[in-house]
Amino acid sequence: MRGLLTVCSAVLVTVLTVAGPVPAAKAAEPGGGDIGEALRHVPGLTVVDEAPAPDGYRFFRLTFTQPADHRDPDAGTFEQRFTLLHKDFSAPTVAYTSGYNVSAAPNRSEPTRIVGGNQLSMEYRYFTPSRPRQENWADQLTIWQAAADEHRAVQAFRALYPGKWLATGGSKGGMTATYFRRFFPHDVDGTIPYVAPNDVIDEIDSYNRFLSRVGDDPGCRTALKAIQRDTLKRRDEFGGLATADAAKKGYTFTTVGSLDKSLEIAVIDAYFAFWQYQKQSDCATVPKAGAPAAEVYAWFEKVESLTTYADQALAPYVPYYYQAAVQLGSPEAYDGYLRDLLRYPGADVPESFVPKSIERPPFDHFAMPDIDFWVRTQGRRLLFVYGSNDPWGAEPFRLGPGSRDSYRYFVPGGNHGANVAQLPPDEAAAATATIRRWAGLPPAGPEVTARSAPAGFPDFDADPIMTARPRL
């Protein structure tokens, strides 16, 4: 396997040079000039509008013309949505992506807060509206194409921001930041991926072993399994509530096949979703088997809605499920204790959530091992943060003998919102100092990692883009 990974890595390296030319912006004088005027000199960039921003910042909504296929100039272009939070031309700049849509609010990621810098946020290709008119999912929606998008963006903006650059993102965004660094290792000076899964070999799954022992309280795990079983035993009762809810919202279930199938998959997922986003203290909120249906339904709405897999709820995330089905991989369903109650065993897989009208190529078994191999053998200046109770951390990125100036931290009891500020004080201080060093800044006091954003800034972790379905 090692030889195969080496060959795969070498093949991928050879294709990195074929991306289209990067637009050259007119250089701005660091510390001076008007950012609004400077943006108008970036080829391919359109300033959609300037929105209100907290004192000391300016906030712009932008689009940037990208090749639909970085290897095929004849495939056309599309407009990719960006936002820019500008502080100073000479400040460090953070390239951020959630891996999904771009937020329209002037939020700051934690690394941006730590370095007090600018932030360029990018929407991931194929998430509406950042999608080519002539779609070609198999050729255009790959981790390399998305990395090439980020490469062109960073190169285009580097003329405006010649200082240090960092890349970051949470969850799928953390994966994206890692892939970007693998394919274009010299574009930024450091990468901080948050809660980024590393599903190296899809058939070898560590998630279920993790889920069988997650948390400090075995009674919580038992209670979760009990309410799942009770819900499936009372399927008609809960199905009636879900049917009424779906009718009110105008939901249909063509992609998964039926509301009943959607309900069953959601019940399976609820155990995973609970540990992903809830806290250990929320174990007390788990309803007891036999509780009134309305009470249980309301609990599922908080943890994993029983209408999660409606067509209308799935639509924004189809590009993610497609990627999970063809490159990223996914956890196997944790449902062994429910098997006697299942009507659709084996349905809880990404393929179930991709419309049949979208053709899928065979699964790429080389993509994730290549990334993992690069991190362990060539990774430089990477800082991974995970939550110890987050199921997505069951298969984390691993550092190896070739990783240099790289670090990995776990927040004790942390979930999918884990960040540097939640680490034990000595680890938080060390991680903060590392991030600031990569940004060319001196160490700072612990207040820099405060979880609450400064006055005027929305809390980034409250952004619905970060917490909405899908699980990742």
Protein backbone atom coordinates (compact mmCIF):
# COMPACT_ATOMS: atom_id res chain seq x y z
CA MET A 1 0.00 0.00 0.00
CA ARG A 2 2.82 2.44 0.76
CA GLY A 3 4.22 2.04 -2.76
CA LEU A 4 0.77 2.57 -4.26
CA LEU A 5 0.29 5.74 -2.22
CA THR A 6 3.67 7.05 -3.32
CA VAL A 7 2.80 6.50 -6.96
CA CYS A 8 -0.59 8.17 -6.48
CA SER A 9 1.03 11.14 -4.77
CA ALA A 10 3.51 11.57 -7.60
CA VAL A 11 0.76 11.44 -10.22
CA LEU A 12 -1.24 14.14 -8.47
CA VAL A 13 1.77 16.41 -8.14
CA THR A 14 2.24 16.38 -11.90
CA VAL A 15 -1.21 17.85 -12.57
CA LEU A 16 -0.85 20.86 -10.30
CA THR A 17 0.79 22.99 -12.96
CA VAL A 18 -2.06 22.78 -15.43
CA ALA A 19 -4.43 25.16 -13.60
CA GLY A 20 -5.38 28.25 -15.59
CA PRO A 21 -3.40 31.46 -15.28
CA VAL A 22 -3.90 33.45 -12.11
CA PRO A 23 -5.11 37.04 -12.60
CA ALA A 24 -2.57 39.62 -11.48
CA ALA A 25 -3.98 42.42 -9.38
CA LYS A 26 -2.59 45.92 -9.37
CA ALA A 27 -0.48 46.03 -6.24
CA ALA A 28 -1.78 48.19 -3.42
CA GLU A 29 0.57 50.12 -1.25
CA PRO A 30 0.55 48.36 2.14
CA GLY A 31 -1.03 50.49 4.82
CA GLY A 32 -2.38 53.03 2.34
CA GLY A 33 -4.86 53.53 -0.45
CA ASP A 34 -8.54 52.72 -0.58
CA ILE A 35 -9.54 49.05 -0.50
CA GLY A 36 -12.70 49.73 -2.48
CA GLU A 37 -10.68 51.20 -5.32
CA ALA A 38 -8.00 48.50 -5.07
CA LEU A 39 -10.58 45.72 -5.43
CA ARG A 40 -11.70 47.17 -8.75
CA HIS A 41 -8.23 46.47 -10.15
CA VAL A 42 -8.34 42.71 -9.46
CA PRO A 43 -9.06 41.02 -12.81
CA GLY A 44 -12.17 38.86 -12.72
CA LEU A 45 -13.40 40.38 -9.45
CA THR A 46 -16.76 42.12 -9.16
CA VAL A 47 -17.70 44.18 -6.12
CA VAL A 48 -21.36 43.33 -5.53
CA ASP A 49 -21.72 45.71 -2.60
CA GLU A 50 -20.14 47.04 0.55
CA ALA A 51 -22.05 46.13 3.69
CA PRO A 52 -21.85 47.51 7.23
CA ALA A 53 -18.91 46.32 9.30
CA PRO A 54 -17.69 46.87 12.85
CA ASP A 55 -15.43 49.83 13.55
CA GLY A 56 -11.97 49.46 12.05
CA TYR A 57 -13.13 47.13 9.25
CA ARG A 58 -14.76 47.27 5.85
CA PHE A 59 -16.84 44.41 4.51
CA PHE A 60 -17.43 43.60 0.85
CA ARG A 61 -19.52 41.02 -0.96
CA LEU A 62 -17.79 39.93 -4.15
CA THR A 63 -17.83 37.48 -7.04
CA PHE A 64 -14.73 36.13 -8.73
CA THR A 65 -14.63 34.55 -12.18
CA GLN A 66 -13.28 31.01 -12.00
CA PRO A 67 -12.72 28.38 -14.70
CA ALA A 68 -15.39 25.70 -14.57
CA ASP A 69 -12.56 23.23 -15.15
CA HIS A 70 -9.03 24.35 -14.31
CA ARG A 71 -7.66 21.82 -16.82
CA ASP A 72 -9.98 22.73 -19.69
CA PRO A 73 -10.16 26.39 -20.75
CA ASP A 74 -13.01 25.54 -23.13
CA ALA A 75 -15.32 24.44 -20.32
CA GLY A 76 -16.35 28.00 -19.57
CA THR A 77 -16.40 29.91 -16.31
CA PHE A 78 -18.61 30.57 -13.31
CA GLU A 79 -18.94 33.30 -10.71
CA GLN A 80 -17.75 32.21 -7.26
CA ARG A 81 -19.09 34.14 -4.28
CA PHE A 82 -16.56 35.71 -1.93
CA THR A 83 -16.67 38.08 0.99
CA LEU A 84 -13.80 40.22 2.21
CA LEU A 85 -13.38 41.62 5.70
CA HIS A 86 -10.67 44.25 5.31
CA LYS A 87 -8.68 45.67 8.18
CA ASP A 88 -5.32 46.78 6.80
CA PHE A 89 -3.27 46.08 3.69
CA SER A 90 -0.25 45.21 5.85
CA ALA A 91 -2.09 42.89 8.26
CA PRO A 92 -2.02 39.08 7.94
CA THR A 93 -4.80 37.61 5.81
CA VAL A 94 -6.83 34.45 6.47
CA ALA A 95 -8.35 32.45 3.62
CA TYR A 96 -11.51 30.87 5.02
CA THR A 97 -14.07 28.40 3.69
CA SER A 98 -16.82 26.45 5.43
CA GLY A 99 -16.74 23.92 2.59
CA TYR A 100 -20.32 24.97 1.80
CA ASN A 101 -21.90 28.36 1.13
CA VAL A 102 -20.24 31.63 2.06
CA SER A 103 -21.75 33.61 4.92
CA ALA A 104 -23.06 37.06 4.00
CA ALA A 105 -22.25 38.41 7.48
CA PRO A 106 -18.93 39.98 8.55
CA ASN A 107 -18.03 37.03 10.77
CA ARG A 108 -14.44 36.33 11.80
CA SER A 109 -12.97 32.85 12.10
CA GLU A 110 -10.91 32.16 15.20
CA PRO A 111 -7.53 32.45 13.39
CA THR A 112 -8.65 35.84 12.04
CA ARG A 113 -9.42 36.97 15.57
CA ILE A 114 -6.12 35.61 16.88
CA VAL A 115 -4.01 37.47 14.31
CA GLY A 116 -6.25 40.54 14.07
CA GLY A 117 -6.19 40.27 10.30
CA ASN A 118 -8.14 40.46 7.09
CA GLN A 119 -10.36 37.57 6.01
CA LEU A 120 -11.15 36.37 2.48
CA SER A 121 -14.07 33.93 2.62
CA MET A 122 -14.93 31.68 -0.32
CA GLU A 123 -17.98 29.69 -1.30
CA TYR A 124 -17.24 26.11 -2.34
CA ARG A 125 -17.87 25.37 -6.00
CA TYR A 126 -21.22 23.83 -6.95
CA PHE A 127 -22.94 25.27 -3.89
CA THR A 128 -25.63 27.58 -5.23
CA PRO A 129 -25.10 30.05 -6.79
CA SER A 130 -21.37 29.29 -7.31
CA ARG A 131 -22.04 26.72 -10.00
CA PRO A 132 -21.18 26.53 -13.73
CA ARG A 133 -24.11 26.86 -16.08
CA GLN A 134 -22.98 23.76 -17.98
CA GLU A 135 -22.60 21.24 -15.16
CA ASN A 136 -20.10 18.42 -15.30
CA TRP A 137 -20.01 17.01 -11.79
CA ALA A 138 -17.50 14.23 -12.44
CA ASP A 139 -14.82 16.50 -13.90
CA GLN A 140 -15.55 19.75 -12.07
CA LEU A 141 -16.59 18.84 -8.52
CA THR A 142 -13.37 17.34 -7.16
CA ILE A 143 -11.14 18.25 -4.24
CA TRP A 144 -8.41 19.32 -6.65
CA GLN A 145 -10.69 21.67 -8.61
CA ALA A 146 -11.79 23.31 -5.35
CA ALA A 147 -8.17 23.64 -4.23
CA ALA A 148 -7.35 25.28 -7.56
CA ASP A 149 -10.19 27.77 -6.94
CA GLU A 150 -8.61 28.75 -3.63
CA HIS A 151 -5.15 28.91 -5.21
CA ARG A 152 -6.28 31.38 -7.87
CA ALA A 153 -8.07 33.47 -5.26
CA VAL A 154 -5.09 33.68 -2.94
CA GLN A 155 -2.75 34.54 -5.80
CA ALA A 156 -5.12 37.23 -7.06
CA PHE A 157 -5.42 38.89 -3.64
CA ARG A 158 -1.77 38.55 -2.65
CA ALA A 159 -0.96 41.73 -4.58
CA LEU A 160 -3.32 43.59 -2.23
CA TYR A 161 -2.19 41.74 0.89
CA PRO A 162 1.54 40.97 0.60
CA GLY A 163 1.91 39.92 4.25
CA LYS A 164 1.54 36.48 5.79
CA TRP A 165 -1.38 34.27 4.79
CA LEU A 166 -3.15 31.52 6.72
CA ALA A 167 -5.82 29.06 5.58
CA THR A 168 -8.58 27.74 7.80
CA GLY A 169 -12.02 26.19 7.87
CA GLY A 170 -14.24 24.06 10.06
CA SER A 171 -15.53 20.55 9.38
CA LYS A 172 -15.72 20.18 5.58
CA GLY A 173 -14.00 23.56 5.48
CA GLY A 174 -11.17 22.12 7.56
CA MET A 175 -10.84 19.28 5.08
CA THR A 176 -10.85 21.82 2.24
CA ALA A 177 -8.09 23.87 3.89
CA THR A 178 -5.99 20.71 4.25
CA TYR A 179 -6.51 19.66 0.64
CA PHE A 180 -5.69 23.16 -0.58
CA ARG A 181 -2.40 23.02 1.32
CA ARG A 182 -1.57 19.56 -0.03
CA PHE A 183 -2.00 20.61 -3.65
CA PHE A 184 -0.58 24.13 -3.29
CA PRO A 185 1.76 23.86 -0.29
CA HIS A 186 3.47 27.23 -0.79
CA ASP A 187 0.38 29.44 -1.09
CA VAL A 188 -0.01 30.13 2.62
CA ASP A 189 2.25 30.25 5.68
CA GLY A 190 0.12 28.05 7.93
CA THR A 191 -3.10 26.03 7.94
CA ILE A 192 -5.50 25.63 10.86
CA PRO A 193 -8.17 22.98 10.13
CA TYR A 194 -10.92 22.54 12.73
CA VAL A 195 -12.71 19.20 13.35
CA ALA A 196 -11.62 17.85 9.95
CA PRO A 197 -12.33 14.13 9.35
CA ASN A 198 -9.72 11.99 7.61
CA ASP A 199 -11.52 8.98 6.15
CA VAL A 200 -8.37 7.42 4.71
CA ILE A 201 -9.77 4.11 3.53
CA ASP A 202 -13.56 4.13 3.34
CA GLU A 203 -13.97 0.41 4.00
CA ILE A 204 -11.96 0.61 7.26
CA ASP A 205 -14.26 2.42 9.66
CA SER A 206 -13.37 3.59 13.17
CA TYR A 207 -16.55 5.59 13.73
CA ASN A 208 -18.68 2.80 15.17
CA ARG A 209 -16.02 1.79 17.67
CA PHE A 210 -15.82 5.43 18.73
CA LEU A 211 -19.60 5.77 19.03
CA SER A 212 -19.86 2.65 21.17
CA ARG A 213 -17.76 4.29 23.91
CA VAL A 214 -18.17 8.05 23.39
CA GLY A 215 -18.75 10.29 26.41
CA ASP A 216 -18.24 9.78 30.12
CA ASP A 217 -21.66 8.34 30.90
CA PRO A 218 -22.68 4.87 29.64
CA GLY A 219 -26.19 5.70 30.80
CA CYS A 220 -26.39 8.48 28.20
CA ARG A 221 -25.53 6.09 25.40
CA THR A 222 -28.15 3.67 26.71
CA ALA A 223 -30.80 6.38 26.86
CA LEU A 224 -30.09 7.49 23.30
CA LYS A 225 -30.40 3.96 21.98
CA ALA A 226 -33.61 3.44 23.94
CA ILE A 227 -35.33 6.49 22.47
CA GLN A 228 -34.22 5.48 18.97
CA ARG A 229 -35.71 2.01 19.39
CA ASP A 230 -38.88 3.42 20.92
CA THR A 231 -39.33 5.83 18.03
CA LEU A 232 -39.02 3.06 15.45
CA LYS A 233 -41.47 0.90 17.40
CA ARG A 234 -43.91 3.84 17.32
CA ARG A 235 -43.15 4.55 13.67
CA ASP A 236 -46.76 5.16 12.65
CA GLU A 237 -47.25 7.70 15.44
CA PHE A 238 -44.10 9.64 14.60
CA GLY A 239 -44.71 9.22 10.90
CA GLY A 240 -48.02 11.00 11.34
CA LEU A 241 -46.32 13.95 13.05
CA ALA A 242 -43.64 14.06 10.35
CA THR A 243 -46.27 13.90 7.60
CA ALA A 244 -48.14 16.87 9.06
CA ASP A 245 -44.88 18.79 9.49
CA ALA A 246 -43.80 18.02 5.92
CA ALA A 247 -47.16 19.12 4.52
CA LYS A 248 -46.91 22.41 6.39
CA LYS A 249 -43.43 23.02 4.99
CA GLY A 250 -44.17 21.77 1.47
CA TYR A 251 -41.65 18.95 1.72
CA THR A 252 -41.36 16.03 -0.71
CA PHE A 253 -39.17 12.93 -0.49
CA THR A 254 -38.41 11.92 -4.08
CA THR A 255 -34.62 11.59 -3.66
CA VAL A 256 -34.64 9.20 -0.68
CA GLY A 257 -37.84 7.51 -1.82
CA SER A 258 -40.37 8.14 0.95
CA LEU A 259 -41.02 10.02 4.17
CA ASP A 260 -40.89 6.71 6.03
CA LYS A 261 -37.40 6.05 4.73
CA SER A 262 -36.31 9.58 5.62
CA LEU A 263 -37.64 9.11 9.15
CA GLU A 264 -35.79 5.84 9.62
CA ILE A 265 -32.47 7.26 8.45
CA ALA A 266 -32.92 10.33 10.66
CA VAL A 267 -33.54 8.13 13.69
CA ILE A 268 -30.33 6.21 12.94
CA ASP A 269 -28.38 9.45 12.51
CA ALA A 270 -29.70 10.97 15.73
CA TYR A 271 -27.16 9.11 17.88
CA PHE A 272 -24.24 10.45 15.80
CA ALA A 273 -25.78 13.93 15.57
CA PHE A 274 -26.30 14.13 19.34
CA TRP A 275 -22.61 13.64 20.04
CA GLN A 276 -21.64 15.90 17.15
CA TYR A 277 -23.41 19.02 18.40
CA GLN A 278 -24.74 18.47 21.92
CA LYS A 279 -22.75 18.60 25.14
CA GLN A 280 -22.34 15.90 27.76
CA SER A 281 -24.69 17.89 29.99
CA ASP A 282 -27.42 17.55 27.34
CA CYS A 283 -27.72 13.86 28.19
CA ALA A 284 -30.30 14.98 30.74
CA THR A 285 -32.56 16.19 27.90
CA VAL A 286 -32.88 12.79 26.21
CA PRO A 287 -36.56 11.73 26.48
CA LYS A 288 -37.36 8.42 28.10
CA ALA A 289 -38.91 5.65 26.04
CA GLY A 290 -42.67 6.03 26.09
CA ALA A 291 -42.59 9.82 26.49
CA PRO A 292 -45.34 11.80 24.71
CA ALA A 293 -44.76 11.83 20.95
CA ALA A 294 -44.82 15.63 20.75
CA GLU A 295 -42.06 15.87 23.36
CA VAL A 296 -39.92 13.31 21.56
CA TYR A 297 -40.55 14.93 18.16
CA ALA A 298 -39.43 18.29 19.55
CA TRP A 299 -36.23 16.67 20.85
CA PHE A 300 -35.51 15.23 17.40
CA GLU A 301 -36.04 18.68 15.91
CA LYS A 302 -33.19 19.90 18.10
CA VAL A 303 -30.89 16.94 17.44
CA GLU A 304 -31.84 15.45 14.05
CA SER A 305 -35.14 16.41 12.45
CA LEU A 306 -37.26 13.47 11.31
CA THR A 307 -37.77 15.36 8.01
CA THR A 308 -34.04 15.98 7.51
CA TYR A 309 -33.93 14.10 4.22
CA ALA A 310 -36.75 15.93 2.45
CA ASP A 311 -35.83 17.04 -1.06
CA GLN A 312 -36.00 20.69 -0.06
CA ALA A 313 -33.74 20.20 2.95
CA LEU A 314 -31.27 18.08 0.99
CA ALA A 315 -31.00 20.37 -2.04
CA PRO A 316 -28.44 22.84 -0.63
CA TYR A 317 -26.14 20.00 0.40
CA VAL A 318 -26.26 17.67 -2.60
CA PRO A 319 -22.71 18.74 -3.65
CA TYR A 320 -21.42 17.51 -0.27
CA TYR A 321 -23.23 14.18 -0.49
CA TYR A 322 -21.96 13.75 -4.05
CA GLN A 323 -18.37 14.32 -2.92
CA ALA A 324 -18.82 11.95 0.02
CA ALA A 325 -20.06 9.32 -2.42
CA VAL A 326 -17.20 9.69 -4.90
CA GLN A 327 -14.10 10.93 -2.99
CA LEU A 328 -14.47 11.92 0.66
CA GLY A 329 -15.96 8.74 2.08
CA SER A 330 -18.37 8.60 5.01
CA PRO A 331 -18.97 6.75 8.27
CA GLU A 332 -20.91 3.51 8.12
CA ALA A 333 -24.29 3.67 9.86
CA TYR A 334 -24.20 2.95 13.59
CA ASP A 335 -27.35 0.85 13.60
CA GLY A 336 -26.53 -2.71 14.70
CA TYR A 337 -28.78 -2.42 17.77
CA LEU A 338 -31.67 -1.25 15.54
CA ARG A 339 -31.47 -3.88 12.81
CA ASP A 340 -34.59 -5.80 13.91
CA LEU A 341 -36.63 -2.59 13.50
CA LEU A 342 -35.25 -1.38 10.15
CA ARG A 343 -37.22 -1.48 6.92
CA TYR A 344 -34.41 -0.05 4.77
CA PRO A 345 -31.13 -1.52 6.00
CA GLY A 346 -28.11 -0.13 4.17
CA ALA A 347 -29.90 3.04 3.03
CA ASP A 348 -27.97 5.42 5.30
CA VAL A 349 -25.22 6.15 2.77
CA PRO A 350 -24.37 9.31 0.78
CA GLU A 351 -25.60 7.79 -2.47
CA SER A 352 -29.14 7.82 -1.09
CA PHE A 353 -29.07 11.62 -0.92
CA VAL A 354 -27.87 12.36 -4.46
CA PRO A 355 -30.61 12.67 -7.10
CA LYS A 356 -30.48 9.90 -9.67
CA SER A 357 -30.24 12.52 -12.41
CA ILE A 358 -26.64 13.21 -11.32
CA GLU A 359 -24.27 10.55 -12.65
CA ARG A 360 -21.58 9.40 -10.25
CA PRO A 361 -18.19 8.03 -11.30
CA PRO A 362 -16.73 5.07 -9.42
CA PHE A 363 -15.43 5.91 -5.94
CA ASP A 364 -11.90 7.34 -6.02
CA HIS A 365 -9.99 5.12 -3.61
CA PHE A 366 -6.76 7.09 -4.01
CA ALA A 367 -7.91 10.62 -3.13
CA MET A 368 -8.04 10.43 0.67
CA PRO A 369 -5.00 8.15 1.16
CA ASP A 370 -3.00 10.63 -0.93
CA ILE A 371 -3.95 13.50 1.39
CA ASP A 372 -3.21 11.45 4.50
CA PHE A 373 0.15 10.37 3.10
CA TRP A 374 1.12 13.97 2.30
CA VAL A 375 0.20 15.20 5.80
CA ARG A 376 2.30 12.49 7.44
CA THR A 377 5.30 12.75 5.13
CA GLN A 378 5.42 16.32 3.82
CA GLY A 379 2.97 18.41 5.84
CA ARG A 380 4.33 21.74 7.08
CA ARG A 381 2.83 24.22 9.54
CA LEU A 382 -0.48 22.43 10.11
CA LEU A 383 -2.47 22.82 13.33
CA PHE A 384 -5.47 20.49 13.75
CA VAL A 385 -8.12 20.99 16.45
CA TYR A 386 -10.68 18.31 17.39
CA GLY A 387 -13.31 17.70 20.07
CA SER A 388 -12.82 14.50 22.04
CA ASN A 389 -16.58 13.71 21.95
CA ASP A 390 -17.08 14.63 18.29
CA PRO A 391 -17.69 11.51 16.16
CA TRP A 392 -16.03 13.22 13.18
CA GLY A 393 -12.80 13.08 15.18
CA ALA A 394 -12.93 9.29 15.25
CA GLU A 395 -10.64 9.29 12.22
CA PRO A 396 -8.53 12.44 12.62
CA PHE A 397 -5.61 13.58 10.55
CA ARG A 398 -2.41 12.06 11.87
CA LEU A 399 0.98 13.67 11.99
CA GLY A 400 3.94 11.53 10.96
CA PRO A 401 7.72 11.54 10.83
CA GLY A 402 7.66 13.89 7.84
CA SER A 403 5.32 16.44 9.41
CA ARG A 404 7.22 19.60 10.36
CA ASP A 405 6.18 22.37 12.73
CA SER A 406 2.73 20.75 12.92
CA TYR A 407 0.41 20.09 15.86
CA ARG A 408 -2.81 18.32 16.82
CA TYR A 409 -5.05 19.17 19.78
CA PHE A 410 -8.20 17.63 21.29
CA VAL A 411 -10.63 19.68 23.37
CA PRO A 412 -11.61 17.51 26.37
CA GLY A 413 -15.32 16.78 26.09
CA GLY A 414 -15.48 18.99 23.01
CA ASN A 415 -17.95 18.53 20.17
CA HIS A 416 -18.00 19.64 16.51
CA GLY A 417 -17.63 23.26 17.58
CA ALA A 418 -14.24 22.68 19.21
CA ASN A 419 -11.73 25.49 18.89
CA VAL A 420 -8.45 26.77 20.33
CA ALA A 421 -10.16 28.83 23.04
CA GLN A 422 -11.70 25.68 24.50
CA LEU A 423 -8.36 23.90 24.97
CA PRO A 424 -6.74 23.70 28.42
CA PRO A 425 -5.02 27.05 29.11
CA ASP A 426 -1.46 25.88 28.44
CA GLU A 427 -2.44 24.24 25.15
CA ALA A 428 -4.56 27.23 24.10
CA ALA A 429 -1.62 29.55 24.76
CA ALA A 430 0.76 27.31 22.81
CA ALA A 431 -1.62 26.98 19.85
CA THR A 432 -2.27 30.72 19.83
CA ALA A 433 1.44 31.48 19.89
CA THR A 434 2.00 29.09 16.98
CA ILE A 435 -0.71 30.70 14.85
CA ARG A 436 0.62 34.16 15.57
CA ARG A 437 4.18 33.06 14.80
CA TRP A 438 3.09 31.73 11.42
CA ALA A 439 1.43 35.11 10.81
CA GLY A 440 4.70 36.90 11.62
CA LEU A 441 3.37 38.25 14.95
CA PRO A 442 4.72 38.06 18.52
CA PRO A 443 2.96 35.92 21.15
CA ALA A 444 -0.09 37.46 22.78
CA GLY A 445 -2.02 37.17 26.02
CA PRO A 446 -4.81 34.62 26.55
CA GLU A 447 -7.49 37.21 25.81
CA VAL A 448 -6.73 36.80 22.10
CA THR A 449 -8.36 33.35 22.12
CA ALA A 450 -11.53 34.50 23.89
CA ARG A 451 -14.46 32.62 22.40
CA SER A 452 -16.78 35.62 22.28
CA ALA A 453 -16.18 37.92 19.34
CA PRO A 454 -15.44 41.60 19.95
CA ALA A 455 -18.37 44.00 20.06
CA GLY A 456 -20.03 44.33 16.69
CA PHE A 457 -19.02 40.90 15.38
CA PRO A 458 -21.50 38.02 15.17
CA ASP A 459 -20.30 34.78 16.76
CA PHE A 460 -18.96 32.74 13.83
CA ASP A 461 -20.06 29.45 15.41
CA ALA A 462 -23.66 30.70 15.47
CA ASP A 463 -23.64 31.03 11.69
CA PRO A 464 -26.39 28.68 10.38
CA ILE A 465 -24.11 27.69 7.51
CA MET A 466 -21.87 26.02 10.07
CA THR A 467 -24.60 24.21 12.02
CA ALA A 468 -27.19 23.25 9.42
CA ARG A 469 -27.44 19.80 7.86
CA PRO A 470 -25.64 17.74 6.73
CA ARG A 471 -23.87 16.26 9.71
CA LEU A 472 -20.41 17.18 8.38
